[in-house]
């Protein structure tokens, strides 16, 4: 009985071994996605220590668009320039940027 199972297992495994090829070559690296070859879109990050705070300045094409301030104690916060006019707005990770709609349900 065991001999029949061994022969059956070998008969099933032999076609799998016969399919392995030895002349296979690795695939070449895929090209980068279109539009992603330009390094101008990669942000430049400058890390500066101001007092005890660590300040990371993010720039694209030399233009400052975001500042991350990490105090020694507490959570980091971001200063973001949403319109690109140089006016930075404080943005927290924990605080959602969702504005709750307010409708008048009843008035008298």
PDB file of N, CA and C in Angstrom:
ATOM      1  N   UNK A   1       0.819  -1.190   0.000  1.00  0.00           N
ATOM      2  CA  UNK A   1       0.000   0.000   0.000  1.00  0.00           C
ATOM      3  C   UNK A   1       0.864   1.257   0.000  1.00  0.00           C
ATOM      4  N   UNK A   2       1.908   1.263   0.861  1.00  0.00           N
ATOM      5  CA  UNK A   2       2.790   2.430   0.919  1.00  0.00           C
ATOM      6  C   UNK A   2       3.572   2.597  -0.383  1.00  0.00           C
ATOM      7  N   UNK A   3       3.899   1.477  -1.003  1.00  0.00           N
ATOM      8  CA  UNK A   3       4.657   1.532  -2.242  1.00  0.00           C
ATOM      9  C   UNK A   3       3.805   2.153  -3.350  1.00  0.00           C
ATOM     10  N   UNK A   4       2.522   1.861  -3.378  1.00  0.00           N
ATOM     11  CA  UNK A   4       1.630   2.426  -4.388  1.00  0.00           C
ATOM     12  C   UNK A   4       1.480   3.940  -4.195  1.00  0.00           C
ATOM     13  N   UNK A   5       1.382   4.387  -2.908  1.00  0.00           N
ATOM     14  CA  UNK A   5       1.290   5.828  -2.637  1.00  0.00           C
ATOM     15  C   UNK A   5       2.569   6.552  -3.031  1.00  0.00           C
ATOM     16  N   UNK A   6       3.728   5.913  -2.793  1.00  0.00           N
ATOM     17  CA  UNK A   6       4.999   6.520  -3.164  1.00  0.00           C
ATOM     18  C   UNK A   6       5.107   6.655  -4.677  1.00  0.00           C
ATOM     19  N   UNK A   7       4.699   5.629  -5.405  1.00  0.00           N
ATOM     20  CA  UNK A   7       4.749   5.673  -6.867  1.00  0.00           C
ATOM     21  C   UNK A   7       3.773   6.729  -7.400  1.00  0.00           C
ATOM     22  N   UNK A   8       2.609   6.809  -6.801  1.00  0.00           N
ATOM     23  CA  UNK A   8       1.631   7.819  -7.212  1.00  0.00           C
ATOM     24  C   UNK A   8       2.153   9.234  -6.952  1.00  0.00           C
ATOM     25  N   UNK A   9       2.793   9.460  -5.797  1.00  0.00           N
ATOM     26  CA  UNK A   9       3.350  10.775  -5.481  1.00  0.00           C
ATOM     27  C   UNK A   9       4.461  11.141  -6.444  1.00  0.00           C
ATOM     28  N   UNK A  10       5.323  10.212  -6.775  1.00  0.00           N
ATOM     29  CA  UNK A  10       6.395  10.485  -7.741  1.00  0.00           C
ATOM     30  C   UNK A  10       5.823  10.753  -9.135  1.00  0.00           C
ATOM     31  N   UNK A  11       4.784  10.029  -9.502  1.00  0.00           N
ATOM     32  CA  UNK A  11       4.179  10.231 -10.819  1.00  0.00           C
ATOM     33  C   UNK A  11       3.563  11.619 -10.927  1.00  0.00           C
ATOM     34  N   UNK A  12       3.018  12.126  -9.821  1.00  0.00           N
ATOM     35  CA  UNK A  12       2.447  13.475  -9.839  1.00  0.00           C
ATOM     36  C   UNK A  12       3.519  14.553  -9.786  1.00  0.00           C
ATOM     37  N   UNK A  13       4.655  14.275  -9.145  1.00  0.00           N
ATOM     38  CA  UNK A  13       5.706  15.276  -8.979  1.00  0.00           C
ATOM     39  C   UNK A  13       6.618  15.380 -10.195  1.00  0.00           C
ATOM     40  N   UNK A  14       6.758  14.320 -10.966  1.00  0.00           N
ATOM     41  CA  UNK A  14       7.675  14.339 -12.110  1.00  0.00           C
ATOM     42  C   UNK A  14       7.307  15.386 -13.159  1.00  0.00           C
ATOM     43  N   UNK A  15       6.050  15.611 -13.520  1.00  0.00           N
ATOM     44  CA  UNK A  15       5.752  16.672 -14.499  1.00  0.00           C
ATOM     45  C   UNK A  15       6.131  18.068 -13.993  1.00  0.00           C
ATOM     46  N   UNK A  16       6.023  18.291 -12.692  1.00  0.00           N
ATOM     47  CA  UNK A  16       6.405  19.596 -12.154  1.00  0.00           C
ATOM     48  C   UNK A  16       7.905  19.813 -12.281  1.00  0.00           C
ATOM     49  N   UNK A  17       8.698  18.787 -12.053  1.00  0.00           N
ATOM     50  CA  UNK A  17      10.150  18.913 -12.201  1.00  0.00           C
ATOM     51  C   UNK A  17      10.548  19.049 -13.660  1.00  0.00           C
ATOM     52  N   UNK A  18       9.792  18.455 -14.559  1.00  0.00           N
ATOM     53  CA  UNK A  18      10.110  18.531 -15.978  1.00  0.00           C
ATOM     54  C   UNK A  18       9.861  19.921 -16.540  1.00  0.00           C
ATOM     55  N   UNK A  19       9.006  20.734 -15.894  1.00  0.00           N
ATOM     56  CA  UNK A  19       8.683  22.056 -16.401  1.00  0.00           C
ATOM     57  C   UNK A  19       9.691  23.127 -16.005  1.00  0.00           C
ATOM     58  N   UNK A  20      10.596  22.861 -15.094  1.00  0.00           N
ATOM     59  CA  UNK A  20      11.572  23.872 -14.684  1.00  0.00           C
ATOM     60  C   UNK A  20      12.597  24.070 -15.788  1.00  0.00           C
ATOM     61  N   UNK A  21      12.831  25.368 -16.141  1.00  0.00           N
ATOM     62  CA  UNK A  21      13.781  25.699 -17.197  1.00  0.00           C
ATOM     63  C   UNK A  21      15.030  26.292 -16.582  1.00  0.00           C
ATOM     64  N   UNK A  22      16.164  25.992 -17.151  1.00  0.00           N
ATOM     65  CA  UNK A  22      17.429  26.497 -16.615  1.00  0.00           C
ATOM     66  C   UNK A  22      17.924  27.730 -17.361  1.00  0.00           C
ATOM     67  N   UNK A  23      17.310  28.111 -18.490  1.00  0.00           N
ATOM     68  CA  UNK A  23      17.784  29.244 -19.281  1.00  0.00           C
ATOM     69  C   UNK A  23      17.005  30.532 -18.999  1.00  0.00           C
ATOM     70  N   UNK A  24      16.366  30.648 -17.853  1.00  0.00           N
ATOM     71  CA  UNK A  24      15.596  31.836 -17.510  1.00  0.00           C
ATOM     72  C   UNK A  24      16.513  32.987 -17.113  1.00  0.00           C
ATOM     73  N   UNK A  25      16.125  34.194 -17.466  1.00  0.00           N
ATOM     74  CA  UNK A  25      16.885  35.390 -17.124  1.00  0.00           C
ATOM     75  C   UNK A  25      15.981  36.328 -16.334  1.00  0.00           C
ATOM     76  N   UNK A  26      16.563  37.155 -15.434  1.00  0.00           N
ATOM     77  CA  UNK A  26      15.715  38.070 -14.654  1.00  0.00           C
ATOM     78  C   UNK A  26      15.139  39.167 -15.544  1.00  0.00           C
ATOM     79  N   UNK A  27      13.969  39.668 -15.153  1.00  0.00           N
ATOM     80  CA  UNK A  27      13.322  40.746 -15.894  1.00  0.00           C
ATOM     81  C   UNK A  27      14.060  42.061 -15.675  1.00  0.00           C
ATOM     82  N   UNK A  28      14.089  42.943 -16.676  1.00  0.00           N
ATOM     83  CA  UNK A  28      14.713  44.250 -16.473  1.00  0.00           C
ATOM     84  C   UNK A  28      13.853  45.120 -15.560  1.00  0.00           C
ATOM     85  N   UNK A  29      14.464  46.160 -14.980  1.00  0.00           N
ATOM     86  CA  UNK A  29      13.736  47.085 -14.106  1.00  0.00           C
ATOM     87  C   UNK A  29      12.680  47.826 -14.913  1.00  0.00           C
ATOM     88  N   UNK A  30      11.484  48.008 -14.370  1.00  0.00           N
ATOM     89  CA  UNK A  30      10.455  48.738 -15.109  1.00  0.00           C
ATOM     90  C   UNK A  30      10.798  50.227 -15.179  1.00  0.00           C
ATOM     91  N   UNK A  31      10.375  50.913 -16.220  1.00  0.00           N
ATOM     92  CA  UNK A  31      10.647  52.350 -16.318  1.00  0.00           C
ATOM     93  C   UNK A  31       9.834  53.111 -15.278  1.00  0.00           C
ATOM     94  N   UNK A  32      10.275  54.306 -14.911  1.00  0.00           N
ATOM     95  CA  UNK A  32       9.506  55.093 -13.934  1.00  0.00           C
ATOM     96  C   UNK A  32       8.176  55.521 -14.532  1.00  0.00           C
ATOM     97  N   UNK A  33       7.184  55.806 -13.685  1.00  0.00           N
ATOM     98  CA  UNK A  33       5.886  56.260 -14.193  1.00  0.00           C
ATOM     99  C   UNK A  33       6.031  57.581 -14.935  1.00  0.00           C
ATOM    100  N   UNK A  34       5.173  57.849 -15.900  1.00  0.00           N
ATOM    101  CA  UNK A  34       5.277  59.112 -16.629  1.00  0.00           C
ATOM    102  C   UNK A  34       5.053  60.305 -15.712  1.00  0.00           C
ATOM    103  N   UNK A  35       5.864  61.317 -15.903  1.00  0.00           N
ATOM    104  CA  UNK A  35       5.750  62.526 -15.110  1.00  0.00           C
ATOM    105  C   UNK A  35       6.494  62.473 -13.791  1.00  0.00           C
ATOM    106  N   UNK A  36       7.063  61.331 -13.434  1.00  0.00           N
ATOM    107  CA  UNK A  36       7.755  61.199 -12.160  1.00  0.00           C
ATOM    108  C   UNK A  36       9.273  61.215 -12.327  1.00  0.00           C
ATOM    109  N   UNK A  37       9.779  61.508 -13.508  1.00  0.00           N
ATOM    110  CA  UNK A  37      11.216  61.516 -13.719  1.00  0.00           C
ATOM    111  C   UNK A  37      11.851  62.820 -13.276  1.00  0.00           C
ATOM    112  N   UNK A  38      11.051  63.866 -13.126  1.00  0.00           N
ATOM    113  CA  UNK A  38      11.576  65.173 -12.754  1.00  0.00           C
ATOM    114  C   UNK A  38      11.767  65.241 -11.238  1.00  0.00           C
ATOM    115  N   UNK A  39      12.988  65.569 -10.799  1.00  0.00           N
ATOM    116  CA  UNK A  39      13.268  65.683  -9.370  1.00  0.00           C
ATOM    117  C   UNK A  39      12.798  67.008  -8.789  1.00  0.00           C
ATOM    118  N   UNK A  40      12.246  67.902  -9.612  1.00  0.00           N
ATOM    119  CA  UNK A  40      11.767  69.188  -9.107  1.00  0.00           C
ATOM    120  C   UNK A  40      10.537  69.025  -8.226  1.00  0.00           C
ATOM    121  N   UNK A  41       9.827  67.916  -8.355  1.00  0.00           N
ATOM    122  CA  UNK A  41       8.639  67.689  -7.543  1.00  0.00           C
ATOM    123  C   UNK A  41       8.979  67.025  -6.216  1.00  0.00           C
ATOM    124  N   UNK A  42      10.201  66.626  -6.035  1.00  0.00           N
ATOM    125  CA  UNK A  42      10.633  66.024  -4.775  1.00  0.00           C
ATOM    126  C   UNK A  42      10.874  67.145  -3.764  1.00  0.00           C
ATOM    127  N   UNK A  43      10.234  67.103  -2.579  1.00  0.00           N
ATOM    128  CA  UNK A  43      10.417  68.197  -1.619  1.00  0.00           C
ATOM    129  C   UNK A  43      11.816  68.194  -1.024  1.00  0.00           C
ATOM    130  N   UNK A  44      12.322  69.385  -0.792  1.00  0.00           N
ATOM    131  CA  UNK A  44      13.607  69.565  -0.127  1.00  0.00           C
ATOM    132  C   UNK A  44      13.302  69.884   1.328  1.00  0.00           C
ATOM    133  N   UNK A  45      13.864  69.102   2.245  1.00  0.00           N
ATOM    134  CA  UNK A  45      13.584  69.252   3.667  1.00  0.00           C
ATOM    135  C   UNK A  45      14.841  69.783   4.351  1.00  0.00           C
ATOM    136  N   UNK A  46      14.671  70.884   5.090  1.00  0.00           N
ATOM    137  CA  UNK A  46      15.753  71.478   5.869  1.00  0.00           C
ATOM    138  C   UNK A  46      15.374  71.386   7.338  1.00  0.00           C
ATOM    139  N   UNK A  47      16.251  70.779   8.142  1.00  0.00           N
ATOM    140  CA  UNK A  47      15.984  70.622   9.573  1.00  0.00           C
ATOM    141  C   UNK A  47      16.852  71.608  10.332  1.00  0.00           C
ATOM    142  N   UNK A  48      16.199  72.448  11.163  1.00  0.00           N
ATOM    143  CA  UNK A  48      16.872  73.504  11.907  1.00  0.00           C
ATOM    144  C   UNK A  48      16.459  73.391  13.371  1.00  0.00           C
ATOM    145  N   UNK A  49      17.385  73.650  14.291  1.00  0.00           N
ATOM    146  CA  UNK A  49      17.057  73.715  15.715  1.00  0.00           C
ATOM    147  C   UNK A  49      16.914  75.176  16.098  1.00  0.00           C
ATOM    148  N   UNK A  50      15.741  75.552  16.588  1.00  0.00           N
ATOM    149  CA  UNK A  50      15.498  76.917  17.072  1.00  0.00           C
ATOM    150  C   UNK A  50      15.157  76.814  18.547  1.00  0.00           C
ATOM    151  N   UNK A  51      16.112  77.172  19.386  1.00  0.00           N
ATOM    152  CA  UNK A  51      15.942  76.992  20.829  1.00  0.00           C
ATOM    153  C   UNK A  51      15.909  75.511  21.123  1.00  0.00           C
ATOM    154  N   UNK A  52      14.839  75.049  21.743  1.00  0.00           N
ATOM    155  CA  UNK A  52      14.682  73.628  22.003  1.00  0.00           C
ATOM    156  C   UNK A  52      13.806  72.942  20.958  1.00  0.00           C
ATOM    157  N   UNK A  53      13.189  73.724  20.074  1.00  0.00           N
ATOM    158  CA  UNK A  53      12.298  73.164  19.057  1.00  0.00           C
ATOM    159  C   UNK A  53      13.104  72.694  17.845  1.00  0.00           C
ATOM    160  N   UNK A  54      12.603  71.639  17.223  1.00  0.00           N
ATOM    161  CA  UNK A  54      13.147  71.178  15.949  1.00  0.00           C
ATOM    162  C   UNK A  54      12.182  71.613  14.865  1.00  0.00           C
ATOM    163  N   UNK A  55      12.695  72.341  13.882  1.00  0.00           N
ATOM    164  CA  UNK A  55      11.861  72.892  12.810  1.00  0.00           C
ATOM    165  C   UNK A  55      12.286  72.263  11.495  1.00  0.00           C
ATOM    166  N   UNK A  56      11.317  71.650  10.799  1.00  0.00           N
ATOM    167  CA  UNK A  56      11.564  71.064   9.482  1.00  0.00           C
ATOM    168  C   UNK A  56      10.849  71.930   8.446  1.00  0.00           C
ATOM    169  N   UNK A  57      11.615  72.479   7.505  1.00  0.00           N
ATOM    170  CA  UNK A  57      11.048  73.333   6.464  1.00  0.00           C
ATOM    171  C   UNK A  57      10.975  72.542   5.165  1.00  0.00           C
ATOM    172  N   UNK A  58       9.787  72.479   4.580  1.00  0.00           N
ATOM    173  CA  UNK A  58       9.564  71.739   3.342  1.00  0.00           C
ATOM    174  C   UNK A  58       9.428  72.728   2.195  1.00  0.00           C
ATOM    175  N   UNK A  59      10.240  72.538   1.148  1.00  0.00           N
ATOM    176  CA  UNK A  59      10.233  73.420  -0.009  1.00  0.00           C
ATOM    177  C   UNK A  59      10.127  72.600  -1.285  1.00  0.00           C
ATOM    178  N   UNK A  60       9.399  73.139  -2.259  1.00  0.00           N
ATOM    179  CA  UNK A  60       9.375  72.591  -3.609  1.00  0.00           C
ATOM    180  C   UNK A  60       9.759  73.714  -4.544  1.00  0.00           C
ATOM    181  N   UNK A  61      10.790  73.469  -5.330  1.00  0.00           N
ATOM    182  CA  UNK A  61      11.348  74.470  -6.259  1.00  0.00           C
ATOM    183  C   UNK A  61      11.748  75.743  -5.521  1.00  0.00           C
ATOM    184  N   UNK A  62      12.275  75.589  -4.308  1.00  0.00           N
ATOM    185  CA  UNK A  62      12.753  76.715  -3.527  1.00  0.00           C
ATOM    186  C   UNK A  62      11.674  77.496  -2.808  1.00  0.00           C
ATOM    187  N   UNK A  63      10.427  77.077  -2.909  1.00  0.00           N
ATOM    188  CA  UNK A  63       9.314  77.803  -2.290  1.00  0.00           C
ATOM    189  C   UNK A  63       8.844  77.062  -1.044  1.00  0.00           C
ATOM    190  N   UNK A  64       8.836  77.762   0.084  1.00  0.00           N
ATOM    191  CA  UNK A  64       8.434  77.187   1.364  1.00  0.00           C
ATOM    192  C   UNK A  64       6.918  77.015   1.378  1.00  0.00           C
ATOM    193  N   UNK A  65       6.462  75.752   1.605  1.00  0.00           N
ATOM    194  CA  UNK A  65       5.022  75.512   1.632  1.00  0.00           C
ATOM    195  C   UNK A  65       4.539  74.899   2.938  1.00  0.00           C
ATOM    196  N   UNK A  66       5.448  74.347   3.761  1.00  0.00           N
ATOM    197  CA  UNK A  66       5.023  73.742   5.014  1.00  0.00           C
ATOM    198  C   UNK A  66       6.185  73.743   6.000  1.00  0.00           C
ATOM    199  N   UNK A  67       5.855  73.950   7.271  1.00  0.00           N
ATOM    200  CA  UNK A  67       6.843  73.921   8.349  1.00  0.00           C
ATOM    201  C   UNK A  67       6.301  72.984   9.424  1.00  0.00           C
ATOM    202  N   UNK A  68       7.124  72.043   9.861  1.00  0.00           N
ATOM    203  CA  UNK A  68       6.748  71.146  10.952  1.00  0.00           C
ATOM    204  C   UNK A  68       7.581  71.533  12.165  1.00  0.00           C
ATOM    205  N   UNK A  69       6.916  71.875  13.260  1.00  0.00           N
ATOM    206  CA  UNK A  69       7.583  72.282  14.494  1.00  0.00           C
ATOM    207  C   UNK A  69       7.378  71.164  15.508  1.00  0.00           C
ATOM    208  N   UNK A  70       8.499  70.639  16.028  1.00  0.00           N
ATOM    209  CA  UNK A  70       8.451  69.585  17.031  1.00  0.00           C
ATOM    210  C   UNK A  70       9.036  70.127  18.319  1.00  0.00           C
ATOM    211  N   UNK A  71       8.181  70.438  19.305  1.00  0.00           N
ATOM    212  CA  UNK A  71       8.697  70.907  20.593  1.00  0.00           C
ATOM    213  C   UNK A  71       9.282  69.732  21.376  1.00  0.00           C
ATOM    214  N   UNK A  72      10.147  70.021  22.375  1.00  0.00           N
ATOM    215  CA  UNK A  72      10.739  68.915  23.134  1.00  0.00           C
ATOM    216  C   UNK A  72       9.702  68.128  23.926  1.00  0.00           C
ATOM    217  N   UNK A  73       8.658  68.798  24.375  1.00  0.00           N
ATOM    218  CA  UNK A  73       7.581  68.125  25.097  1.00  0.00           C
ATOM    219  C   UNK A  73       6.262  68.492  24.430  1.00  0.00           C
ATOM    220  N   UNK A  74       5.506  67.504  24.046  1.00  0.00           N
ATOM    221  CA  UNK A  74       4.227  67.763  23.398  1.00  0.00           C
ATOM    222  C   UNK A  74       4.201  67.184  22.001  1.00  0.00           C
ATOM    223  N   UNK A  75       3.112  67.427  21.312  1.00  0.00           N
ATOM    224  CA  UNK A  75       2.950  66.885  19.964  1.00  0.00           C
ATOM    225  C   UNK A  75       3.423  67.891  18.929  1.00  0.00           C
ATOM    226  N   UNK A  76       3.958  67.410  17.819  1.00  0.00           N
ATOM    227  CA  UNK A  76       4.363  68.330  16.755  1.00  0.00           C
ATOM    228  C   UNK A  76       3.147  68.948  16.072  1.00  0.00           C
ATOM    229  N   UNK A  77       3.353  70.124  15.513  1.00  0.00           N
ATOM    230  CA  UNK A  77       2.295  70.787  14.762  1.00  0.00           C
ATOM    231  C   UNK A  77       2.876  71.307  13.459  1.00  0.00           C
ATOM    232  N   UNK A  78       1.984  71.587  12.528  1.00  0.00           N
ATOM    233  CA  UNK A  78       2.384  72.016  11.196  1.00  0.00           C
ATOM    234  C   UNK A  78       1.886  73.428  10.929  1.00  0.00           C
ATOM    235  N   UNK A  79       2.675  74.173  10.192  1.00  0.00           N
ATOM    236  CA  UNK A  79       2.269  75.467   9.645  1.00  0.00           C
ATOM    237  C   UNK A  79       2.218  75.281   8.134  1.00  0.00           C
ATOM    238  N   UNK A  80       1.031  75.431   7.562  1.00  0.00           N
ATOM    239  CA  UNK A  80       0.820  75.145   6.150  1.00  0.00           C
ATOM    240  C   UNK A  80       0.381  76.418   5.443  1.00  0.00           C
ATOM    241  N   UNK A  81       0.898  76.615   4.235  1.00  0.00           N
ATOM    242  CA  UNK A  81       0.508  77.744   3.391  1.00  0.00           C
ATOM    243  C   UNK A  81      -0.510  77.236   2.371  1.00  0.00           C
ATOM    244  N   UNK A  82      -1.823  77.307   2.669  1.00  0.00           N
ATOM    245  CA  UNK A  82      -2.806  76.680   1.781  1.00  0.00           C
ATOM    246  C   UNK A  82      -2.987  77.386   0.438  1.00  0.00           C
ATOM    247  N   UNK A  83      -2.883  78.724   0.390  1.00  0.00           N
ATOM    248  CA  UNK A  83      -3.087  79.453  -0.866  1.00  0.00           C
ATOM    249  C   UNK A  83      -1.779  79.773  -1.582  1.00  0.00           C
ATOM    250  N   UNK A  84      -0.653  79.606  -0.931  1.00  0.00           N
ATOM    251  CA  UNK A  84       0.621  79.926  -1.559  1.00  0.00           C
ATOM    252  C   UNK A  84       0.964  81.396  -1.518  1.00  0.00           C
ATOM    253  N   UNK A  85       0.325  82.160  -0.616  1.00  0.00           N
ATOM    254  CA  UNK A  85       0.579  83.595  -0.541  1.00  0.00           C
ATOM    255  C   UNK A  85       1.500  83.977   0.618  1.00  0.00           C
ATOM    256  N   UNK A  86       2.045  83.001   1.344  1.00  0.00           N
ATOM    257  CA  UNK A  86       2.964  83.295   2.436  1.00  0.00           C
ATOM    258  C   UNK A  86       2.299  83.398   3.792  1.00  0.00           C
ATOM    259  N   UNK A  87       0.980  83.267   3.864  1.00  0.00           N
ATOM    260  CA  UNK A  87       0.272  83.284   5.141  1.00  0.00           C
ATOM    261  C   UNK A  87       0.095  81.849   5.618  1.00  0.00           C
ATOM    262  N   UNK A  88       0.779  81.528   6.707  1.00  0.00           N
ATOM    263  CA  UNK A  88       0.762  80.156   7.207  1.00  0.00           C
ATOM    264  C   UNK A  88      -0.345  79.988   8.240  1.00  0.00           C
ATOM    265  N   UNK A  89      -0.993  78.826   8.199  1.00  0.00           N
ATOM    266  CA  UNK A  89      -2.081  78.480   9.100  1.00  0.00           C
ATOM    267  C   UNK A  89      -1.622  77.274   9.914  1.00  0.00           C
ATOM    268  N   UNK A  90      -1.885  77.314  11.222  1.00  0.00           N
ATOM    269  CA  UNK A  90      -1.491  76.202  12.079  1.00  0.00           C
ATOM    270  C   UNK A  90      -2.422  75.018  11.844  1.00  0.00           C
ATOM    271  N   UNK A  91      -1.824  73.854  11.681  1.00  0.00           N
ATOM    272  CA  UNK A  91      -2.578  72.639  11.382  1.00  0.00           C
ATOM    273  C   UNK A  91      -2.108  71.539  12.320  1.00  0.00           C
ATOM    274  N   UNK A  92      -3.042  70.900  13.025  1.00  0.00           N
ATOM    275  CA  UNK A  92      -2.731  69.795  13.935  1.00  0.00           C
ATOM    276  C   UNK A  92      -3.040  68.481  13.246  1.00  0.00           C
ATOM    277  N   UNK A  93      -2.277  67.455  13.583  1.00  0.00           N
ATOM    278  CA  UNK A  93      -2.599  66.126  13.074  1.00  0.00           C
ATOM    279  C   UNK A  93      -3.862  65.585  13.723  1.00  0.00           C
ATOM    280  N   UNK A  94      -4.020  65.847  15.011  1.00  0.00           N
ATOM    281  CA  UNK A  94      -5.151  65.279  15.745  1.00  0.00           C
ATOM    282  C   UNK A  94      -6.463  65.983  15.412  1.00  0.00           C
ATOM    283  N   UNK A  95      -6.392  67.270  15.081  1.00  0.00           N
ATOM    284  CA  UNK A  95      -7.616  68.030  14.812  1.00  0.00           C
ATOM    285  C   UNK A  95      -8.057  67.778  13.370  1.00  0.00           C
ATOM    286  N   UNK A  96      -9.286  67.354  13.171  1.00  0.00           N
ATOM    287  CA  UNK A  96      -9.745  67.134  11.800  1.00  0.00           C
ATOM    288  C   UNK A  96      -9.959  68.459  11.077  1.00  0.00           C
ATOM    289  N   UNK A  97      -9.806  68.438   9.772  1.00  0.00           N
ATOM    290  CA  UNK A  97     -10.027  69.643   8.966  1.00  0.00           C
ATOM    291  C   UNK A  97     -11.458  69.688   8.461  1.00  0.00           C
ATOM    292  N   UNK A  98     -12.338  69.035   9.171  1.00  0.00           N
ATOM    293  CA  UNK A  98     -13.736  68.961   8.789  1.00  0.00           C
ATOM    294  C   UNK A  98     -14.500  70.114   9.414  1.00  0.00           C
ATOM    295  N   UNK A  99     -15.233  70.844   8.610  1.00  0.00           N
ATOM    296  CA  UNK A  99     -16.102  71.880   9.163  1.00  0.00           C
ATOM    297  C   UNK A  99     -17.506  71.305   9.248  1.00  0.00           C
ATOM    298  N   UNK A 100     -18.086  71.369  10.417  1.00  0.00           N
ATOM    299  CA  UNK A 100     -19.395  70.778  10.660  1.00  0.00           C
ATOM    300  C   UNK A 100     -20.455  71.695  10.075  1.00  0.00           C
ATOM    301  N   UNK A 101     -21.337  71.166   9.227  1.00  0.00           N
ATOM    302  CA  UNK A 101     -22.394  72.010   8.662  1.00  0.00           C
ATOM    303  C   UNK A 101     -23.407  72.383   9.738  1.00  0.00           C
ATOM    304  N   UNK A 102     -23.905  73.605   9.657  1.00  0.00           N
ATOM    305  CA  UNK A 102     -24.892  74.084  10.621  1.00  0.00           C
ATOM    306  C   UNK A 102     -26.083  74.613   9.833  1.00  0.00           C
ATOM    307  N   UNK A 103     -27.226  73.970  10.024  1.00  0.00           N
ATOM    308  CA  UNK A 103     -28.443  74.388   9.375  1.00  0.00           C
ATOM    309  C   UNK A 103     -29.453  74.854  10.415  1.00  0.00           C
ATOM    310  N   UNK A 104     -30.283  75.773  10.011  1.00  0.00           N
ATOM    311  CA  UNK A 104     -31.373  76.220  10.875  1.00  0.00           C
ATOM    312  C   UNK A 104     -32.510  75.215  10.710  1.00  0.00           C
ATOM    313  N   UNK A 105     -32.809  74.503  11.791  1.00  0.00           N
ATOM    314  CA  UNK A 105     -33.873  73.506  11.728  1.00  0.00           C
ATOM    315  C   UNK A 105     -35.220  74.150  12.031  1.00  0.00           C
ATOM    316  N   UNK A 106     -35.248  75.017  13.036  1.00  0.00           N
ATOM    317  CA  UNK A 106     -36.512  75.671  13.397  1.00  0.00           C
ATOM    318  C   UNK A 106     -36.200  77.074  13.926  1.00  0.00           C
ATOM    319  N   UNK A 107     -36.972  77.988  13.541  1.00  0.00           N
ATOM    320  CA  UNK A 107     -36.845  79.343  14.081  1.00  0.00           C
ATOM    321  C   UNK A 107     -38.241  79.891  14.338  1.00  0.00           C
ATOM    322  N   UNK A 108     -38.401  80.795  15.282  1.00  0.00           N
ATOM    323  CA  UNK A 108     -39.707  81.386  15.589  1.00  0.00           C
ATOM    324  C   UNK A 108     -39.558  82.804  15.963  1.00  0.00           C
TER     325      UNK A 108
END
